[in-house]
C-alpha atoms as a PDB file:
ATOM      1  CA  MET A   1      -0.629 -19.140  13.051  1.00  0.00           C
ATOM      2  CA  ILE A   2      -1.715 -15.503  12.864  1.00  0.00           C
ATOM      3  CA  ASN A   3      -3.501 -14.076  15.867  1.00  0.00           C
ATOM      4  CA  LYS A   4      -6.504 -11.972  14.749  1.00  0.00           C
ATOM      5  CA  LYS A   5      -6.279  -9.689  17.782  1.00  0.00           C
ATOM      6  CA  THR A   6      -2.598  -8.966  17.144  1.00  0.00           C
ATOM      7  CA  CYS A   7      -3.266  -8.216  13.461  1.00  0.00           C
ATOM      8  CA  ALA A   8      -6.268  -6.059  14.316  1.00  0.00           C
ATOM      9  CA  ALA A   9      -4.267  -4.128  16.919  1.00  0.00           C
ATOM     10  CA  ALA A  10      -1.430  -3.541  14.479  1.00  0.00           C
ATOM     11  CA  LEU A  11      -3.836  -2.420  11.765  1.00  0.00           C
ATOM     12  CA  VAL A  12      -5.678  -0.071  14.118  1.00  0.00           C
ATOM     13  CA  ALA A  13      -2.375   1.413  15.307  1.00  0.00           C
ATOM     14  CA  PHE A  14      -1.245   1.919  11.697  1.00  0.00           C
ATOM     15  CA  ALA A  15      -4.625   3.314  10.635  1.00  0.00           C
ATOM     16  CA  PHE A  16      -4.642   5.867  13.421  1.00  0.00           C
ATOM     17  CA  SER A  17      -0.991   6.845  13.109  1.00  0.00           C
ATOM     18  CA  MET A  18      -1.228   7.474   9.373  1.00  0.00           C
ATOM     19  CA  PRO A  19      -3.997  10.136   9.493  1.00  0.00           C
ATOM     20  CA  ALA A  20      -2.395  11.682  12.605  1.00  0.00           C
ATOM     21  CA  VAL A  21       0.820  12.269  10.704  1.00  0.00           C
ATOM     22  CA  ALA A  22      -1.203  13.711   7.827  1.00  0.00           C
ATOM     23  CA  GLU A  23      -3.413  16.027   9.951  1.00  0.00           C
ATOM     24  CA  GLU A  24      -2.130  19.142   8.250  1.00  0.00           C
ATOM     25  CA  PRO A  25      -3.298  19.197   4.624  1.00  0.00           C
ATOM     26  CA  MET A  26      -0.577  18.112   2.249  1.00  0.00           C
ATOM     27  CA  ASN A  27       0.273  19.956  -0.930  1.00  0.00           C
ATOM     28  CA  ASP A  28       0.212  18.254  -4.330  1.00  0.00           C
ATOM     29  CA  LEU A  29       3.945  17.527  -4.303  1.00  0.00           C
ATOM     30  CA  GLU A  30       3.712  15.863  -0.875  1.00  0.00           C
ATOM     31  CA  ILE A  31       0.665  13.870  -1.965  1.00  0.00           C
ATOM     32  CA  ALA A  32       2.467  12.720  -5.114  1.00  0.00           C
ATOM     33  CA  HIS A  33       5.517  11.650  -3.114  1.00  0.00           C
ATOM     34  CA  THR A  34       3.450   9.797  -0.524  1.00  0.00           C
ATOM     35  CA  ALA A  35       1.325   7.997  -3.113  1.00  0.00           C
ATOM     36  CA  TYR A  36       4.455   6.949  -5.005  1.00  0.00           C
ATOM     37  CA  THR A  37       6.077   5.793  -1.761  1.00  0.00           C
ATOM     38  CA  ALA A  38       3.009   3.721  -0.847  1.00  0.00           C
ATOM     39  CA  GLY A  39       3.168   2.047  -4.251  1.00  0.00           C
ATOM     40  CA  GLN A  40       6.875   1.304  -3.892  1.00  0.00           C
ATOM     41  CA  ILE A  41       6.224  -0.243  -0.490  1.00  0.00           C
ATOM     42  CA  ASP A  42       3.558  -2.551  -1.896  1.00  0.00           C
ATOM     43  CA  ILE A  43       5.913  -3.550  -4.710  1.00  0.00           C
ATOM     44  CA  ARG A  44       8.533  -4.377  -2.071  1.00  0.00           C
ATOM     45  CA  TYR A  45       6.040  -6.532  -0.157  1.00  0.00           C
ATOM     46  CA  ALA A  46       5.086  -8.291  -3.399  1.00  0.00           C
ATOM     47  CA  HIS A  47       8.683  -9.091  -4.302  1.00  0.00           C
ATOM     48  CA  LEU A  48       9.089 -10.591  -0.844  1.00  0.00           C
ATOM     49  CA  ALA A  49       5.994 -12.744  -1.412  1.00  0.00           C
ATOM     50  CA  LEU A  50       7.330 -13.878  -4.768  1.00  0.00           C
ATOM     51  CA  ALA A  51      10.589 -14.874  -3.090  1.00  0.00           C
ATOM     52  CA  LEU A  52       9.100 -16.660  -0.067  1.00  0.00           C
ATOM     53  CA  SER A  53       5.654 -18.003  -0.896  1.00  0.00           C
ATOM     54  CA  GLN A  54       4.969 -21.330  -2.559  1.00  0.00           C
ATOM     55  CA  ASN A  55       1.199 -20.686  -2.695  1.00  0.00           C
ATOM     56  CA  GLU A  56      -0.001 -20.096  -6.282  1.00  0.00           C
ATOM     57  CA  ASP A  57      -2.753 -17.673  -5.242  1.00  0.00           C
ATOM     58  CA  VAL A  58      -0.402 -15.598  -3.091  1.00  0.00           C
ATOM     59  CA  ARG A  59       2.194 -15.526  -5.859  1.00  0.00           C
ATOM     60  CA  ALA A  60      -0.414 -14.518  -8.460  1.00  0.00           C
ATOM     61  CA  PHE A  61      -1.649 -11.720  -6.200  1.00  0.00           C
ATOM     62  CA  ALA A  62       1.928 -10.551  -5.622  1.00  0.00           C
ATOM     63  CA  ALA A  63       2.604 -10.511  -9.364  1.00  0.00           C
ATOM     64  CA  THR A  64      -0.534  -8.398  -9.819  1.00  0.00           C
ATOM     65  CA  MET A  65       0.715  -5.975  -7.159  1.00  0.00           C
ATOM     66  CA  VAL A  66       4.063  -5.609  -8.934  1.00  0.00           C
ATOM     67  CA  ARG A  67       2.386  -5.070 -12.303  1.00  0.00           C
ATOM     68  CA  ASP A  68      -0.323  -2.645 -11.183  1.00  0.00           C
ATOM     69  CA  HIS A  69       1.684  -0.573  -8.710  1.00  0.00           C
ATOM     70  CA  THR A  70       4.589  -0.320 -11.149  1.00  0.00           C
ATOM     71  CA  ALA A  71       2.206   0.919 -13.849  1.00  0.00           C
ATOM     72  CA  VAL A  72       0.739   3.579 -11.542  1.00  0.00           C
ATOM     73  CA  ASN A  73       4.185   4.667 -10.346  1.00  0.00           C
ATOM     74  CA  ASP A  74       5.430   4.817 -13.955  1.00  0.00           C
ATOM     75  CA  ALA A  75       2.450   7.022 -14.845  1.00  0.00           C
ATOM     76  CA  ALA A  76       3.179   9.203 -11.810  1.00  0.00           C
ATOM     77  CA  GLY A  77       6.824   9.499 -12.845  1.00  0.00           C
ATOM     78  CA  ALA A  78       5.789  10.536 -16.351  1.00  0.00           C
ATOM     79  CA  LEU A  79       3.414  13.139 -14.905  1.00  0.00           C
ATOM     80  CA  ILE A  80       6.145  14.536 -12.648  1.00  0.00           C
ATOM     81  CA  THR A  81       8.451  14.800 -15.670  1.00  0.00           C
ATOM     82  CA  GLU A  82       5.734  16.418 -17.773  1.00  0.00           C
ATOM     83  CA  LEU A  83       4.946  18.985 -15.066  1.00  0.00           C
ATOM     84  CA  ASN A  84       8.663  19.506 -14.358  1.00  0.00           C
ATOM     85  CA  VAL A  85       8.208  19.374 -10.581  1.00  0.00           C
ATOM     86  CA  THR A  86       9.937  17.596  -7.716  1.00  0.00           C
ATOM     87  CA  PRO A  87       7.812  15.569  -5.276  1.00  0.00           C
ATOM     88  CA  GLN A  88       8.326  16.503  -1.628  1.00  0.00           C
ATOM     89  CA  ASP A  89       9.249  14.052   1.090  1.00  0.00           C
ATOM     90  CA  ASN A  90       7.145  14.501   4.218  1.00  0.00           C
ATOM     91  CA  ALA A  91       6.322  13.037   7.617  1.00  0.00           C
ATOM     92  CA  LEU A  92       3.701  10.640   6.242  1.00  0.00           C
ATOM     93  CA  SER A  93       5.924   9.152   3.540  1.00  0.00           C
ATOM     94  CA  GLN A  94       8.710   8.817   6.114  1.00  0.00           C
ATOM     95  CA  ALA A  95       6.340   7.040   8.526  1.00  0.00           C
ATOM     96  CA  LEU A  96       5.262   4.682   5.736  1.00  0.00           C
ATOM     97  CA  VAL A  97       8.880   3.790   4.941  1.00  0.00           C
ATOM     98  CA  LYS A  98       9.674   3.189   8.606  1.00  0.00           C
ATOM     99  CA  GLY A  99       6.597   0.990   9.096  1.00  0.00           C
ATOM    100  CA  ALA A 100       7.348  -0.938   5.919  1.00  0.00           C
ATOM    101  CA  GLY A 101      10.883  -1.677   7.077  1.00  0.00           C
ATOM    102  CA  GLU A 102       9.519  -3.141  10.283  1.00  0.00           C
ATOM    103  CA  LYS A 103       6.873  -5.154   8.404  1.00  0.00           C
ATOM    104  CA  VAL A 104       9.434  -6.552   5.933  1.00  0.00           C
ATOM    105  CA  GLU A 105      11.625  -7.612   8.848  1.00  0.00           C
ATOM    106  CA  GLU A 106       8.648  -9.387  10.427  1.00  0.00           C
ATOM    107  CA  LEU A 107       7.567 -11.082   7.186  1.00  0.00           C
ATOM    108  CA  THR A 108      11.104 -12.181   6.326  1.00  0.00           C
ATOM    109  CA  GLY A 109      11.158 -14.432   9.381  1.00  0.00           C
ATOM    110  CA  LEU A 110       8.035 -16.353   8.369  1.00  0.00           C
ATOM    111  CA  ARG A 111       7.538 -19.323   6.057  1.00  0.00           C
ATOM    112  CA  GLY A 112       4.684 -21.397   4.675  1.00  0.00           C
ATOM    113  CA  LYS A 113       1.137 -20.637   5.725  1.00  0.00           C
ATOM    114  CA  ALA A 114       2.350 -18.280   8.447  1.00  0.00           C
ATOM    115  CA  PHE A 115       4.006 -16.109   5.797  1.00  0.00           C
ATOM    116  CA  ASP A 116       1.082 -16.375   3.370  1.00  0.00           C
ATOM    117  CA  CYS A 117      -1.442 -15.345   6.014  1.00  0.00           C
ATOM    118  CA  ALA A 118       0.723 -12.533   7.357  1.00  0.00           C
ATOM    119  CA  TYR A 119       1.313 -11.219   3.819  1.00  0.00           C
ATOM    120  CA  ALA A 120      -2.364 -11.500   2.835  1.00  0.00           C
ATOM    121  CA  THR A 121      -3.574  -9.901   6.066  1.00  0.00           C
ATOM    122  CA  ASN A 122      -1.058  -7.088   5.702  1.00  0.00           C
ATOM    123  CA  GLU A 123      -2.124  -6.505   2.087  1.00  0.00           C
ATOM    124  CA  LEU A 124      -5.763  -6.289   3.133  1.00  0.00           C
ATOM    125  CA  GLY A 125      -5.060  -3.826   5.930  1.00  0.00           C
ATOM    126  CA  TYR A 126      -2.574  -1.831   3.870  1.00  0.00           C
ATOM    127  CA  HIS A 127      -5.014  -1.418   0.987  1.00  0.00           C
ATOM    128  CA  GLN A 128      -7.853  -0.494   3.347  1.00  0.00           C
ATOM    129  CA  VAL A 129      -5.836   2.275   4.990  1.00  0.00           C
ATOM    130  CA  VAL A 130      -4.208   3.551   1.806  1.00  0.00           C
ATOM    131  CA  ASN A 131      -7.528   3.523  -0.074  1.00  0.00           C
ATOM    132  CA  GLN A 132      -9.238   5.471   2.708  1.00  0.00           C
ATOM    133  CA  THR A 133      -6.406   7.993   2.726  1.00  0.00           C
ATOM    134  CA  VAL A 134      -6.349   8.413  -1.058  1.00  0.00           C
ATOM    135  CA  GLU A 135     -10.129   8.742  -1.241  1.00  0.00           C
ATOM    136  CA  GLY A 136     -10.684  10.847   1.872  1.00  0.00           C
ATOM    137  CA  LYS A 137      -7.584  13.053   1.980  1.00  0.00           C
ATOM    138  CA  PHE A 138      -5.454  12.942  -1.153  1.00  0.00           C
ATOM    139  CA  ILE A 139      -8.074  13.287  -3.897  1.00  0.00           C
ATOM    140  CA  PRO A 140     -10.065  16.050  -2.148  1.00  0.00           C
ATOM    141  CA  ASN A 141      -6.887  18.035  -1.388  1.00  0.00           C
ATOM    142  CA  THR A 142      -5.253  17.666  -4.799  1.00  0.00           C
ATOM    143  CA  THR A 143      -5.383  20.818  -6.912  1.00  0.00           C
ATOM    144  CA  VAL A 144      -3.491  19.648 -10.019  1.00  0.00           C
ATOM    145  CA  GLU A 145      -6.120  18.014 -12.219  1.00  0.00           C
ATOM    146  CA  PRO A 146      -3.868  15.394 -13.919  1.00  0.00           C
ATOM    147  CA  LEU A 147      -2.668  14.211 -10.482  1.00  0.00           C
ATOM    148  CA  LYS A 148      -6.252  14.046  -9.221  1.00  0.00           C
ATOM    149  CA  GLU A 149      -7.210  11.974 -12.290  1.00  0.00           C
ATOM    150  CA  LEU A 150      -4.256   9.625 -11.747  1.00  0.00           C
ATOM    151  CA  LEU A 151      -5.181   9.132  -8.081  1.00  0.00           C
ATOM    152  CA  THR A 152      -8.842   8.552  -8.961  1.00  0.00           C
ATOM    153  CA  ASP A 153      -7.978   5.970 -11.618  1.00  0.00           C
ATOM    154  CA  ALA A 154      -5.474   4.263  -9.317  1.00  0.00           C
ATOM    155  CA  LEU A 155      -8.003   4.152  -6.484  1.00  0.00           C
ATOM    156  CA  ALA A 156     -10.398   2.103  -8.637  1.00  0.00           C
ATOM    157  CA  THR A 157      -7.634  -0.454  -9.214  1.00  0.00           C
ATOM    158  CA  PHE A 158      -6.535  -0.433  -5.581  1.00  0.00           C
ATOM    159  CA  LYS A 159     -10.093  -1.061  -4.399  1.00  0.00           C
ATOM    160  CA  GLN A 160     -10.037  -4.200  -6.561  1.00  0.00           C
ATOM    161  CA  HIS A 161      -6.763  -5.140  -4.843  1.00  0.00           C
ATOM    162  CA  GLU A 162      -8.440  -4.697  -1.466  1.00  0.00           C
ATOM    163  CA  LYS A 163     -11.276  -7.041  -2.444  1.00  0.00           C
ATOM    164  CA  HIS A 164      -8.788  -9.550  -3.882  1.00  0.00           C
ATOM    165  CA  ALA A 165      -6.766  -9.419  -0.640  1.00  0.00           C
ATOM    166  CA  GLU A 166      -9.946  -9.948   1.391  1.00  0.00           C
ATOM    167  CA  ASN A 167     -10.769 -13.027  -0.685  1.00  0.00           C
ATOM    168  CA  MET A 168      -7.194 -14.267  -0.343  1.00  0.00           C
ATOM    169  CA  VAL A 169      -7.311 -13.979   3.478  1.00  0.00           C
ATOM    170  CA  SER A 170     -10.607 -15.865   3.486  1.00  0.00           C
ATOM    171  CA  GLY A 171      -9.349 -18.525   1.061  1.00  0.00           C
ATOM    172  CA  LEU A 172      -6.205 -19.100   3.100  1.00  0.00           C
ATOM    173  CA  LYS A 173      -8.382 -19.501   6.205  1.00  0.00           C
ATOM    174  CA  CYS A 174      -6.184 -17.161   8.190  1.00  0.00           C
ATOM    175  CA  SER A 175      -7.279 -16.953  11.799  1.00  0.00           C
END
């Protein structure tokens, strides 16, 4: 069973560490790299859910994450190619990768409802934090218009993911 206080503490720690790493404004190439990295991480989580969950709703959500995040990352890759630039790794993308490795290790040890609730709760928190960062930091600081448009369009989709994850946590009765 998932402990709400533990999940809330982990989410708060993640939420406060992410903006702290990104205190200094990022340039467009760092923003592009970080957004792509965040998408890749969610795809990784989704593949894990597809491998471990037997719950139809969790599996359907995971398939949606693979489809939507792959589409956004493909569009980002095409934009990078079109602009002939190289995204820049940075402290925030590195922190995301490190945190994701730890989360995957945690999720891999779970099965059944424990896994489903941990995955759903993580997806909710992850989308909340990423959406806040994209909306509050990335979009306002992006100077390349096609990248800003891509982030804005993706944010609309990712807000739907956040709502879907919230409904999934509620439907699973995670406590």
